Amino acid sequence: MLEVSYMKVFVRQHDQERMSREFKGVGADLWEVYQGDVLVGVYQSESEAIKYKECLEKQSEESQGNNCI
């Protein structure tokens, strides 16, 4: 029997201190999606990051592979 453990998925804004000067100059924000302690996606809009997070959570509940890409 396969045992699946649920990993917490969360979105957070990318740390401005880690961005390059050029990227800061554009004025863009990055949003990171984490599954547990693993970075699984980076998006330029919060809404896209949240959509990916919700897809991962849904698939985790259904115990399917990653089809969120």
PDB file of N, CA and C in Angstrom:
ATOM      1  N   MET A   1       0.847  -1.187   0.000  1.00  0.00           N
ATOM      2  CA  MET A   1       0.000   0.000   0.000  1.00  0.00           C
ATOM      3  C   MET A   1       0.888   1.245   0.000  1.00  0.00           C
ATOM      4  N   LEU A   2       0.600   2.192  -0.875  1.00  0.00           N
ATOM      5  CA  LEU A   2       1.349   3.431  -0.986  1.00  0.00           C
ATOM      6  C   LEU A   2       0.810   4.425   0.027  1.00  0.00           C
ATOM      7  N   GLU A   3       1.718   4.990   0.813  1.00  0.00           N
ATOM      8  CA  GLU A   3       1.316   5.984   1.801  1.00  0.00           C
ATOM      9  C   GLU A   3       1.738   7.359   1.306  1.00  0.00           C
ATOM     10  N   VAL A   4       0.789   8.277   1.211  1.00  0.00           N
ATOM     11  CA  VAL A   4       1.057   9.618   0.720  1.00  0.00           C
ATOM     12  C   VAL A   4       0.946  10.589   1.884  1.00  0.00           C
ATOM     13  N   SER A   5       1.992  11.383   2.083  1.00  0.00           N
ATOM     14  CA  SER A   5       1.930  12.392   3.133  1.00  0.00           C
ATOM     15  C   SER A   5       1.735  13.755   2.483  1.00  0.00           C
ATOM     16  N   TYR A   6       0.878  14.557   3.049  1.00  0.00           N
ATOM     17  CA  TYR A   6       0.562  15.879   2.529  1.00  0.00           C
ATOM     18  C   TYR A   6       1.660  16.855   2.928  1.00  0.00           C
ATOM     19  N   MET A   7       2.208  17.557   1.952  1.00  0.00           N
ATOM     20  CA  MET A   7       3.213  18.581   2.215  1.00  0.00           C
ATOM     21  C   MET A   7       2.542  19.945   2.110  1.00  0.00           C
ATOM     22  N   LYS A   8       2.873  20.816   3.014  1.00  0.00           N
ATOM     23  CA  LYS A   8       2.323  22.155   2.993  1.00  0.00           C
ATOM     24  C   LYS A   8       2.841  22.898   1.763  1.00  0.00           C
ATOM     25  N   VAL A   9       1.946  23.545   1.045  1.00  0.00           N
ATOM     26  CA  VAL A   9       2.292  24.348  -0.123  1.00  0.00           C
ATOM     27  C   VAL A   9       1.989  25.798   0.232  1.00  0.00           C
ATOM     28  N   PHE A  10       2.953  26.704  -0.024  1.00  0.00           N
ATOM     29  CA  PHE A  10       2.718  28.107   0.287  1.00  0.00           C
ATOM     30  C   PHE A  10       3.393  29.010  -0.731  1.00  0.00           C
ATOM     31  N   VAL A  11       2.889  30.244  -0.803  1.00  0.00           N
ATOM     32  CA  VAL A  11       3.394  31.263  -1.716  1.00  0.00           C
ATOM     33  C   VAL A  11       3.977  32.390  -0.882  1.00  0.00           C
ATOM     34  N   ARG A  12       5.117  32.898  -1.337  1.00  0.00           N
ATOM     35  CA  ARG A  12       5.666  34.073  -0.672  1.00  0.00           C
ATOM     36  C   ARG A  12       6.348  34.959  -1.702  1.00  0.00           C
ATOM     37  N   GLN A  13       6.438  36.238  -1.380  1.00  0.00           N
ATOM     38  CA  GLN A  13       7.094  37.174  -2.282  1.00  0.00           C
ATOM     39  C   GLN A  13       8.604  36.977  -2.206  1.00  0.00           C
ATOM     40  N   HIS A  14       9.250  37.007  -3.363  1.00  0.00           N
ATOM     41  CA  HIS A  14      10.695  36.832  -3.436  1.00  0.00           C
ATOM     42  C   HIS A  14      11.385  37.948  -2.661  1.00  0.00           C
ATOM     43  N   ASP A  15      12.427  37.614  -1.950  1.00  0.00           N
ATOM     44  CA  ASP A  15      13.194  38.572  -1.147  1.00  0.00           C
ATOM     45  C   ASP A  15      13.892  39.573  -2.068  1.00  0.00           C
ATOM     46  N   GLN A  16      13.550  40.845  -1.947  1.00  0.00           N
ATOM     47  CA  GLN A  16      14.122  41.902  -2.785  1.00  0.00           C
ATOM     48  C   GLN A  16      15.647  41.979  -2.661  1.00  0.00           C
ATOM     49  N   GLU A  17      16.184  41.619  -1.513  1.00  0.00           N
ATOM     50  CA  GLU A  17      17.633  41.679  -1.291  1.00  0.00           C
ATOM     51  C   GLU A  17      18.392  40.677  -2.153  1.00  0.00           C
ATOM     52  N   ARG A  18      17.737  39.624  -2.591  1.00  0.00           N
ATOM     53  CA  ARG A  18      18.390  38.595  -3.399  1.00  0.00           C
ATOM     54  C   ARG A  18      18.262  38.857  -4.893  1.00  0.00           C
ATOM     55  N   MET A  19      17.535  39.899  -5.276  1.00  0.00           N
ATOM     56  CA  MET A  19      17.343  40.207  -6.692  1.00  0.00           C
ATOM     57  C   MET A  19      18.526  40.992  -7.248  1.00  0.00           C
ATOM     58  N   SER A  20      18.755  40.825  -8.532  1.00  0.00           N
ATOM     59  CA  SER A  20      19.819  41.585  -9.193  1.00  0.00           C
ATOM     60  C   SER A  20      19.401  43.047  -9.310  1.00  0.00           C
ATOM     61  N   ARG A  21      20.385  43.904  -9.484  1.00  0.00           N
ATOM     62  CA  ARG A  21      20.139  45.336  -9.673  1.00  0.00           C
ATOM     63  C   ARG A  21      19.230  45.572 -10.874  1.00  0.00           C
ATOM     64  N   GLU A  22      19.490  44.833 -11.952  1.00  0.00           N
ATOM     65  CA  GLU A  22      18.719  44.999 -13.178  1.00  0.00           C
ATOM     66  C   GLU A  22      17.252  44.639 -12.961  1.00  0.00           C
ATOM     67  N   PHE A  23      17.022  43.543 -12.254  1.00  0.00           N
ATOM     68  CA  PHE A  23      15.651  43.111 -12.019  1.00  0.00           C
ATOM     69  C   PHE A  23      14.926  44.100 -11.120  1.00  0.00           C
ATOM     70  N   LYS A  24      15.622  44.618 -10.117  1.00  0.00           N
ATOM     71  CA  LYS A  24      15.015  45.629  -9.247  1.00  0.00           C
ATOM     72  C   LYS A  24      14.655  46.877 -10.039  1.00  0.00           C
ATOM     73  N   GLY A  25      15.531  47.247 -10.996  1.00  0.00           N
ATOM     74  CA  GLY A  25      15.311  48.432 -11.802  1.00  0.00           C
ATOM     75  C   GLY A  25      14.056  48.365 -12.655  1.00  0.00           C
ATOM     76  N   VAL A  26      13.665  47.174 -13.043  1.00  0.00           N
ATOM     77  CA  VAL A  26      12.453  46.985 -13.838  1.00  0.00           C
ATOM     78  C   VAL A  26      11.214  47.193 -12.971  1.00  0.00           C
ATOM     79  N   GLY A  27      11.367  47.012 -11.682  1.00  0.00           N
ATOM     80  CA  GLY A  27      10.247  47.196 -10.761  1.00  0.00           C
ATOM     81  C   GLY A  27       9.315  46.012 -10.678  1.00  0.00           C
ATOM     82  N   ALA A  28       9.778  44.865 -11.120  1.00  0.00           N
ATOM     83  CA  ALA A  28       8.934  43.664 -11.103  1.00  0.00           C
ATOM     84  C   ALA A  28       9.061  42.938  -9.766  1.00  0.00           C
ATOM     85  N   ASP A  29       8.021  42.218  -9.422  1.00  0.00           N
ATOM     86  CA  ASP A  29       8.026  41.363  -8.235  1.00  0.00           C
ATOM     87  C   ASP A  29       8.050  39.914  -8.687  1.00  0.00           C
ATOM     88  N   LEU A  30       8.608  39.072  -7.863  1.00  0.00           N
ATOM     89  CA  LEU A  30       8.574  37.637  -8.108  1.00  0.00           C
ATOM     90  C   LEU A  30       7.862  36.968  -6.944  1.00  0.00           C
ATOM     91  N   TRP A  31       7.126  35.919  -7.253  1.00  0.00           N
ATOM     92  CA  TRP A  31       6.409  35.148  -6.245  1.00  0.00           C
ATOM     93  C   TRP A  31       6.886  33.719  -6.309  1.00  0.00           C
ATOM     94  N   GLU A  32       7.257  33.175  -5.167  1.00  0.00           N
ATOM     95  CA  GLU A  32       7.803  31.825  -5.073  1.00  0.00           C
ATOM     96  C   GLU A  32       6.751  30.879  -4.501  1.00  0.00           C
ATOM     97  N   VAL A  33       6.699  29.672  -5.044  1.00  0.00           N
ATOM     98  CA  VAL A  33       5.797  28.630  -4.554  1.00  0.00           C
ATOM     99  C   VAL A  33       6.675  27.523  -3.973  1.00  0.00           C
ATOM    100  N   TYR A  34       6.421  27.182  -2.727  1.00  0.00           N
ATOM    101  CA  TYR A  34       7.172  26.138  -2.031  1.00  0.00           C
ATOM    102  C   TYR A  34       6.252  24.977  -1.707  1.00  0.00           C
ATOM    103  N   GLN A  35       6.801  23.782  -1.822  1.00  0.00           N
ATOM    104  CA  GLN A  35       6.108  22.575  -1.373  1.00  0.00           C
ATOM    105  C   GLN A  35       7.010  21.970  -0.312  1.00  0.00           C
ATOM    106  N   GLY A  36       6.589  22.106   0.930  1.00  0.00           N
ATOM    107  CA  GLY A  36       7.480  21.763   2.037  1.00  0.00           C
ATOM    108  C   GLY A  36       8.612  22.778   2.044  1.00  0.00           C
ATOM    109  N   ASP A  37       9.846  22.302   2.048  1.00  0.00           N
ATOM    110  CA  ASP A  37      11.015  23.188   2.026  1.00  0.00           C
ATOM    111  C   ASP A  37      11.581  23.364   0.628  1.00  0.00           C
ATOM    112  N   VAL A  38      10.895  22.854  -0.385  1.00  0.00           N
ATOM    113  CA  VAL A  38      11.424  22.847  -1.747  1.00  0.00           C
ATOM    114  C   VAL A  38      10.741  23.922  -2.595  1.00  0.00           C
ATOM    115  N   LEU A  39      11.550  24.757  -3.247  1.00  0.00           N
ATOM    116  CA  LEU A  39      11.039  25.745  -4.189  1.00  0.00           C
ATOM    117  C   LEU A  39      10.609  25.009  -5.450  1.00  0.00           C
ATOM    118  N   VAL A  40       9.324  25.109  -5.801  1.00  0.00           N
ATOM    119  CA  VAL A  40       8.800  24.366  -6.949  1.00  0.00           C
ATOM    120  C   VAL A  40       8.336  25.272  -8.082  1.00  0.00           C
ATOM    121  N   GLY A  41       8.316  26.579  -7.869  1.00  0.00           N
ATOM    122  CA  GLY A  41       7.911  27.484  -8.939  1.00  0.00           C
ATOM    123  C   GLY A  41       8.173  28.929  -8.589  1.00  0.00           C
ATOM    124  N   VAL A  42       8.438  29.736  -9.637  1.00  0.00           N
ATOM    125  CA  VAL A  42       8.637  31.178  -9.476  1.00  0.00           C
ATOM    126  C   VAL A  42       7.799  31.865 -10.546  1.00  0.00           C
ATOM    127  N   TYR A  43       7.003  32.834 -10.124  1.00  0.00           N
ATOM    128  CA  TYR A  43       6.082  33.514 -11.033  1.00  0.00           C
ATOM    129  C   TYR A  43       6.205  35.021 -10.898  1.00  0.00           C
ATOM    130  N   GLN A  44       5.859  35.734 -11.987  1.00  0.00           N
ATOM    131  CA  GLN A  44       5.912  37.193 -11.972  1.00  0.00           C
ATOM    132  C   GLN A  44       4.640  37.819 -11.444  1.00  0.00           C
ATOM    133  N   SER A  45       3.595  37.023 -11.283  1.00  0.00           N
ATOM    134  CA  SER A  45       2.360  37.563 -10.705  1.00  0.00           C
ATOM    135  C   SER A  45       1.903  36.675  -9.547  1.00  0.00           C
ATOM    136  N   GLU A  46       1.356  37.331  -8.544  1.00  0.00           N
ATOM    137  CA  GLU A  46       0.860  36.596  -7.377  1.00  0.00           C
ATOM    138  C   GLU A  46      -0.290  35.675  -7.765  1.00  0.00           C
ATOM    139  N   SER A  47      -1.133  36.121  -8.682  1.00  0.00           N
ATOM    140  CA  SER A  47      -2.285  35.299  -9.072  1.00  0.00           C
ATOM    141  C   SER A  47      -1.852  34.000  -9.749  1.00  0.00           C
ATOM    142  N   GLU A  48      -0.819  34.044 -10.579  1.00  0.00           N
ATOM    143  CA  GLU A  48      -0.308  32.822 -11.212  1.00  0.00           C
ATOM    144  C   GLU A  48       0.307  31.884 -10.175  1.00  0.00           C
ATOM    145  N   ALA A  49       1.019  32.446  -9.210  1.00  0.00           N
ATOM    146  CA  ALA A  49       1.617  31.634  -8.143  1.00  0.00           C
ATOM    147  C   ALA A  49       0.538  30.950  -7.318  1.00  0.00           C
ATOM    148  N   ILE A  50      -0.520  31.667  -7.006  1.00  0.00           N
ATOM    149  CA  ILE A  50      -1.619  31.097  -6.226  1.00  0.00           C
ATOM    150  C   ILE A  50      -2.332  30.008  -7.020  1.00  0.00           C
ATOM    151  N   LYS A  51      -2.508  30.223  -8.333  1.00  0.00           N
ATOM    152  CA  LYS A  51      -3.145  29.223  -9.180  1.00  0.00           C
ATOM    153  C   LYS A  51      -2.324  27.925  -9.175  1.00  0.00           C
ATOM    154  N   TYR A  52      -1.004  28.048  -9.261  1.00  0.00           N
ATOM    155  CA  TYR A  52      -0.130  26.871  -9.237  1.00  0.00           C
ATOM    156  C   TYR A  52      -0.198  26.180  -7.874  1.00  0.00           C
ATOM    157  N   LYS A  53      -0.200  26.956  -6.797  1.00  0.00           N
ATOM    158  CA  LYS A  53      -0.312  26.414  -5.437  1.00  0.00           C
ATOM    159  C   LYS A  53      -1.599  25.602  -5.292  1.00  0.00           C
ATOM    160  N   GLU A  54      -2.712  26.163  -5.769  1.00  0.00           N
ATOM    161  CA  GLU A  54      -3.996  25.471  -5.668  1.00  0.00           C
ATOM    162  C   GLU A  54      -4.001  24.187  -6.481  1.00  0.00           C
ATOM    163  N   CYS A  55      -3.355  24.208  -7.627  1.00  0.00           N
ATOM    164  CA  CYS A  55      -3.255  23.007  -8.459  1.00  0.00           C
ATOM    165  C   CYS A  55      -2.463  21.923  -7.731  1.00  0.00           C
ATOM    166  N   LEU A  56      -1.348  22.293  -7.116  1.00  0.00           N
ATOM    167  CA  LEU A  56      -0.536  21.326  -6.365  1.00  0.00           C
ATOM    168  C   LEU A  56      -1.319  20.731  -5.196  1.00  0.00           C
ATOM    169  N   GLU A  57      -2.052  21.597  -4.484  1.00  0.00           N
ATOM    170  CA  GLU A  57      -2.839  21.117  -3.340  1.00  0.00           C
ATOM    171  C   GLU A  57      -3.926  20.148  -3.801  1.00  0.00           C
ATOM    172  N   LYS A  58      -4.586  20.476  -4.897  1.00  0.00           N
ATOM    173  CA  LYS A  58      -5.635  19.606  -5.418  1.00  0.00           C
ATOM    174  C   LYS A  58      -5.061  18.253  -5.818  1.00  0.00           C
ATOM    175  N   GLN A  59      -3.918  18.266  -6.489  1.00  0.00           N
ATOM    176  CA  GLN A  59      -3.307  17.014  -6.911  1.00  0.00           C
ATOM    177  C   GLN A  59      -2.805  16.206  -5.719  1.00  0.00           C
ATOM    178  N   SER A  60      -2.344  16.887  -4.694  1.00  0.00           N
ATOM    179  CA  SER A  60      -1.899  16.189  -3.494  1.00  0.00           C
ATOM    180  C   SER A  60      -3.073  15.459  -2.839  1.00  0.00           C
ATOM    181  N   GLU A  61      -4.222  16.113  -2.819  1.00  0.00           N
ATOM    182  CA  GLU A  61      -5.425  15.496  -2.249  1.00  0.00           C
ATOM    183  C   GLU A  61      -5.871  14.297  -3.081  1.00  0.00           C
ATOM    184  N   GLU A  62      -5.690  14.398  -4.400  1.00  0.00           N
ATOM    185  CA  GLU A  62      -6.123  13.329  -5.295  1.00  0.00           C
ATOM    186  C   GLU A  62      -5.034  12.290  -5.505  1.00  0.00           C
ATOM    187  N   SER A  63      -3.847  12.517  -4.931  1.00  0.00           N
ATOM    188  CA  SER A  63      -2.697  11.602  -5.041  1.00  0.00           C
ATOM    189  C   SER A  63      -2.321  11.303  -6.491  1.00  0.00           C
ATOM    190  N   GLN A  64      -2.251  12.371  -7.298  1.00  0.00           N
ATOM    191  CA  GLN A  64      -1.862  12.228  -8.697  1.00  0.00           C
ATOM    192  C   GLN A  64      -0.485  12.824  -8.897  1.00  0.00           C
ATOM    193  N   GLY A  65       0.056  12.649 -10.097  1.00  0.00           N
ATOM    194  CA  GLY A  65       1.329  13.231 -10.467  1.00  0.00           C
ATOM    195  C   GLY A  65       1.182  14.721 -10.710  1.00  0.00           C
ATOM    196  N   ASN A  66       2.287  15.380 -11.049  1.00  0.00           N
ATOM    197  CA  ASN A  66       2.304  16.827 -11.258  1.00  0.00           C
ATOM    198  C   ASN A  66       1.888  17.146 -12.682  1.00  0.00           C
ATOM    199  N   ASN A  67       0.655  17.618 -12.865  1.00  0.00           N
ATOM    200  CA  ASN A  67       0.158  18.056 -14.166  1.00  0.00           C
ATOM    201  C   ASN A  67      -0.145  19.541 -14.158  1.00  0.00           C
ATOM    202  N   CYS A  68       0.467  20.291 -13.254  1.00  0.00           N
ATOM    203  CA  CYS A  68       0.171  21.702 -13.090  1.00  0.00           C
ATOM    204  C   CYS A  68       0.995  22.596 -14.012  1.00  0.00           C
ATOM    205  N   ILE A  69       1.951  22.045 -14.686  1.00  0.00           N
ATOM    206  CA  ILE A  69       2.870  22.867 -15.487  1.00  0.00           C
ATOM    207  C   ILE A  69       2.153  23.478 -16.654  1.00  0.00           C
TER     208      ILE A  69
END
